[in-house]
Protein backbone atom coordinates (compact mmCIF):
# COMPACT_ATOMS: atom_id res chain seq x y z
CA PHE A 1 10.83 -1.18 2.42
CA ASN A 2 14.43 -2.26 3.12
CA ALA A 3 15.27 -1.36 6.75
CA THR A 4 12.58 -0.03 9.07
CA SER A 5 14.37 3.30 9.43
CA TYR A 6 14.20 3.84 5.67
CA PHE A 7 10.50 3.17 5.22
CA CYS A 8 9.21 6.69 5.92
CA LYS A 9 11.97 8.38 3.92
CA ASN A 10 11.47 6.02 1.00
CA PHE A 11 7.71 6.58 1.11
CA SER A 12 8.20 10.35 0.81
CA ASP A 13 10.68 9.95 -2.03
CA TRP A 14 8.31 7.57 -3.81
CA GLN A 15 5.37 9.95 -3.50
CA GLY A 16 7.58 12.75 -4.84
CA LEU A 17 8.53 10.66 -7.88
CA LEU A 18 4.87 9.86 -8.53
CA ASN A 19 4.06 13.59 -8.30
CA GLN A 20 6.49 14.12 -11.17
CA GLY A 21 4.74 11.57 -13.35
CA LEU A 22 7.24 8.75 -12.84
CA ARG A 23 5.51 5.38 -12.61
CA VAL A 24 7.63 3.82 -9.87
CA THR A 25 6.31 0.65 -8.24
CA ALA A 26 6.73 0.24 -4.48
CA ILE A 27 7.92 -3.23 -3.47
CA GLY A 28 8.60 -4.69 -0.06
CA ASN A 29 11.82 -6.54 -0.87
CA SER A 30 13.76 -8.31 -3.57
CA ASP A 31 15.88 -10.93 -1.83
CA THR A 32 16.47 -13.19 1.16
CA HIS A 33 19.69 -12.81 3.11
CA SER A 34 19.93 -16.17 4.84
CA VAL A 35 18.32 -19.60 4.77
CA ASN A 36 18.47 -19.54 8.58
CA GLN A 37 16.20 -16.49 8.89
CA PRO A 38 12.40 -16.72 8.64
CA PRO A 39 11.09 -15.42 5.31
CA GLY A 40 7.99 -13.38 4.89
CA TYR A 41 8.62 -9.84 6.16
CA PRO A 42 7.62 -7.84 4.29
CA ARG A 43 5.86 -9.62 1.44
CA ASN A 44 4.78 -8.58 -2.05
CA TYR A 45 1.30 -9.59 -3.15
CA ILE A 46 0.40 -9.75 -6.84
CA ARG A 47 -2.62 -10.51 -8.97
CA THR A 48 -2.56 -14.02 -10.38
CA LEU A 49 -4.82 -16.49 -12.13
CA ALA A 50 -2.78 -19.41 -10.82
CA PRO A 51 -4.65 -22.01 -8.74
CA ASN A 52 -1.77 -22.21 -6.25
CA PRO A 53 1.52 -20.36 -5.59
CA ALA A 54 3.62 -22.96 -7.42
CA ARG A 55 1.80 -22.09 -10.65
CA VAL A 56 2.45 -18.35 -10.58
CA SER A 57 4.26 -17.45 -13.78
CA ALA A 58 7.32 -15.24 -14.18
CA ALA A 59 5.29 -13.09 -16.59
CA GLU A 60 2.65 -12.42 -13.92
CA ILE A 61 5.34 -11.30 -11.48
CA THR A 62 7.12 -8.97 -13.91
CA ASP A 63 3.85 -7.59 -15.28
CA SER A 64 2.64 -6.80 -11.76
CA VAL A 65 5.84 -4.90 -10.98
CA ARG A 66 5.78 -3.02 -14.28
CA THR A 67 2.13 -1.98 -13.94
CA GLY A 68 2.15 -1.36 -10.18
CA SER A 69 -0.60 -3.89 -9.59
CA LEU A 70 0.81 -5.21 -6.33
CA THR A 71 0.61 -4.48 -2.63
CA VAL A 72 3.15 -4.77 0.18
CA GLY A 73 2.56 -6.18 3.64
CA GLY A 74 4.51 -6.69 6.84
CA GLY A 75 2.26 -8.62 9.21
CA ALA A 76 -0.79 -7.33 7.33
CA MET A 77 -2.23 -7.68 3.84
CA ILE A 78 -4.25 -5.07 1.97
CA ASP A 79 -6.35 -5.79 -1.11
CA PHE A 80 -9.30 -4.38 -3.03
CA PRO A 81 -12.05 -6.99 -3.32
CA ASN A 82 -14.20 -4.98 -5.73
CA GLY A 83 -13.72 -2.13 -8.14
CA PRO A 84 -10.47 -0.29 -8.92
CA GLN A 85 -7.17 -2.07 -8.29
CA PRO A 86 -3.63 -0.74 -7.79
CA GLY A 87 -2.21 0.23 -11.16
CA ASP A 88 -5.64 1.03 -12.65
CA THR A 89 -6.52 4.44 -14.07
CA ILE A 90 -10.07 5.55 -13.31
CA ALA A 91 -12.30 8.63 -13.50
CA PRO A 92 -13.87 10.24 -10.40
CA GLN A 93 -17.60 10.26 -9.86
CA ASN A 94 -18.97 13.65 -8.77
CA GLY A 95 -15.52 14.69 -7.60
CA MET A 96 -15.05 11.58 -5.46
CA VAL A 97 -13.20 8.29 -5.72
CA THR A 98 -14.39 5.22 -3.84
CA LEU A 99 -12.13 2.25 -3.18
CA SER A 100 -13.20 -1.10 -1.77
CA VAL A 101 -10.50 -1.79 0.84
CA ARG A 102 -9.85 -4.89 2.91
CA VAL A 103 -7.04 -5.39 5.45
CA ARG A 104 -6.28 -8.79 6.92
CA THR A 105 -3.85 -9.89 9.62
CA PRO A 106 -2.92 -13.18 11.32
CA SER A 107 -4.44 -13.94 14.71
CA TYR A 108 -1.42 -12.64 16.63
CA THR A 109 -1.48 -9.02 15.50
CA LYS A 110 -3.72 -6.23 14.20
CA VAL A 111 -3.83 -2.84 12.50
CA ASP A 112 -5.25 0.30 14.13
CA ARG A 113 -5.31 3.00 11.41
CA LEU A 114 -6.14 3.34 7.74
CA ILE A 115 -4.59 6.29 5.89
CA VAL A 116 -5.19 7.43 2.32
CA TYR A 117 -2.65 9.61 0.53
CA VAL A 118 -3.57 11.67 -2.53
CA ASN A 119 -0.64 13.21 -4.42
CA GLY A 120 1.56 12.91 -1.36
CA GLN A 121 -0.93 14.52 1.04
CA ARG A 122 -3.03 12.82 3.70
CA ALA A 123 -6.65 12.81 2.53
CA LEU A 124 -8.10 10.44 5.13
CA ASP A 125 -6.92 9.05 8.47
CA ARG A 126 -9.39 6.84 10.32
CA PRO A 127 -9.10 4.43 13.24
CA ILE A 128 -9.64 0.70 12.84
CA ASN A 129 -11.29 -1.00 15.80
CA ALA A 130 -10.11 -4.57 15.35
CA THR A 131 -9.15 -7.18 17.92
CA VAL A 132 -5.90 -9.11 17.79
CA GLU A 133 -7.87 -12.26 17.02
CA SER A 134 -9.59 -10.69 14.01
CA LEU A 135 -8.47 -12.05 10.67
CA VAL A 136 -10.29 -9.34 8.70
CA ASP A 137 -9.40 -6.12 10.53
CA PHE A 138 -11.09 -3.80 8.06
CA GLU A 139 -13.42 -4.16 5.08
CA ALA A 140 -15.36 -1.20 3.75
CA ASP A 141 -15.64 1.32 0.94
CA VAL A 142 -13.38 4.33 1.42
CA THR A 143 -14.23 7.60 -0.34
CA VAL A 144 -11.94 10.60 -0.84
CA PRO A 145 -12.45 13.85 -2.76
CA ILE A 146 -10.42 14.36 -5.93
CA SER A 147 -10.07 17.80 -7.54
CA GLN A 148 -7.16 17.13 -9.93
CA ASP A 149 -5.37 14.22 -11.54
CA ALA A 150 -4.09 12.07 -8.74
CA HIS A 151 -2.33 8.97 -7.51
CA VAL A 152 -4.10 7.43 -4.49
CA SER A 153 -2.25 5.10 -2.10
CA VAL A 154 -3.62 3.37 1.01
CA ILE A 155 -1.68 2.44 4.15
CA ALA A 156 -2.78 0.39 7.16
CA ILE A 157 -0.63 0.55 10.29
CA GLY A 158 -0.63 -1.13 13.70
CA GLU A 159 0.46 0.40 16.99
CA ALA A 160 1.92 -2.84 18.33
CA ARG A 161 5.00 -4.42 16.80
CA MET A 162 5.33 -7.86 15.24
CA PRO A 163 5.50 -10.61 17.91
CA ALA A 164 6.57 -13.28 15.40
CA ILE A 165 8.36 -13.69 12.03
CA ARG A 166 10.24 -10.41 12.62
CA PRO A 167 9.73 -9.58 16.31
CA GLY A 168 9.75 -5.84 16.94
CA ALA A 169 9.12 -4.86 13.31
CA PRO A 170 6.16 -2.61 12.38
CA VAL A 171 2.81 -4.08 11.36
CA PHE A 172 1.78 -2.42 8.10
CA ALA A 173 0.30 -2.83 4.64
CA LEU A 174 0.73 -0.52 1.65
CA SER A 175 -0.92 -0.35 -1.75
CA ASN A 176 0.55 0.91 -4.95
CA PRO A 177 -1.56 3.75 -6.30
CA VAL A 178 -4.80 3.85 -8.16
CA PHE A 179 -4.49 6.65 -10.71
CA VAL A 180 -7.29 9.15 -11.28
CA ASP A 181 -7.73 11.01 -14.57
CA VAL A 182 -10.11 13.87 -13.75
CA ASP A 183 -10.56 15.32 -17.25
CA GLY A 184 -10.09 12.23 -19.37
CA ASP A 185 -7.16 13.86 -21.16
CA GLY A 186 -4.31 11.81 -19.66
CA LEU A 187 -2.59 12.06 -16.31
CA SER A 188 -0.86 15.29 -15.28
CA PHE A 189 0.52 15.44 -11.74
CA PRO A 190 1.44 18.46 -9.57
CA GLY A 191 5.22 18.11 -9.94
CA PRO A 192 7.87 18.72 -7.27
CA GLY A 193 6.58 19.99 -3.94
CA PRO A 194 6.10 19.16 -0.26
CA ILE A 195 5.15 15.63 0.76
CA GLU A 196 3.34 15.12 4.05
CA ASP A 197 5.42 13.04 6.48
CA LEU A 198 4.03 9.71 7.59
CA GLY A 199 4.86 10.59 11.19
CA PHE A 200 4.81 7.00 12.46
CA ASP A 201 6.65 6.29 15.70
CA PHE A 202 9.24 4.13 13.97
CA CYS A 203 10.13 6.82 11.41
CA THR A 204 12.96 8.12 13.60
CA GLU A 205 14.46 4.74 14.50
């Protein structure tokens, strides 16, 4: 993520690297600049078997980064309650892939759109009709057509900006990709080519 102005450019670069078969994991951040600033924007969410955050192991963190089994959130959190998870490689069913997607936010903000990217192109863009008070803004199965080997990433975005933690920052959540092997013969991606711009209002800031 780094600075807000870099997010859209970095997203396009990342999708381009994935299109060339490079397994690059998107992360929200790697450090904290000051003990006097509030932490927590954006955050990285990983899979863990730990009963509480203090018991998360270093191996779980590094394994999640290496395998891409993490999500990123700024004021929102995206996860996949059932079925395929970020970093997994799956096969389509009848030319379709279905992901179980859930997006949660605190009671002071919300998301308004859910977007699915397949190989750097927008495959689905649907509104989310949540209220600010909603804690679960979206929870449903999302299905997209797949005609070739693919990496599938999901983004949730809010129109309003963060009122707390990082006031004025975008509300968003991003998943690392689920990979789709259409023919069962290993992943082969389209290579260099155009990437569809995110087009969010903060992309030009």
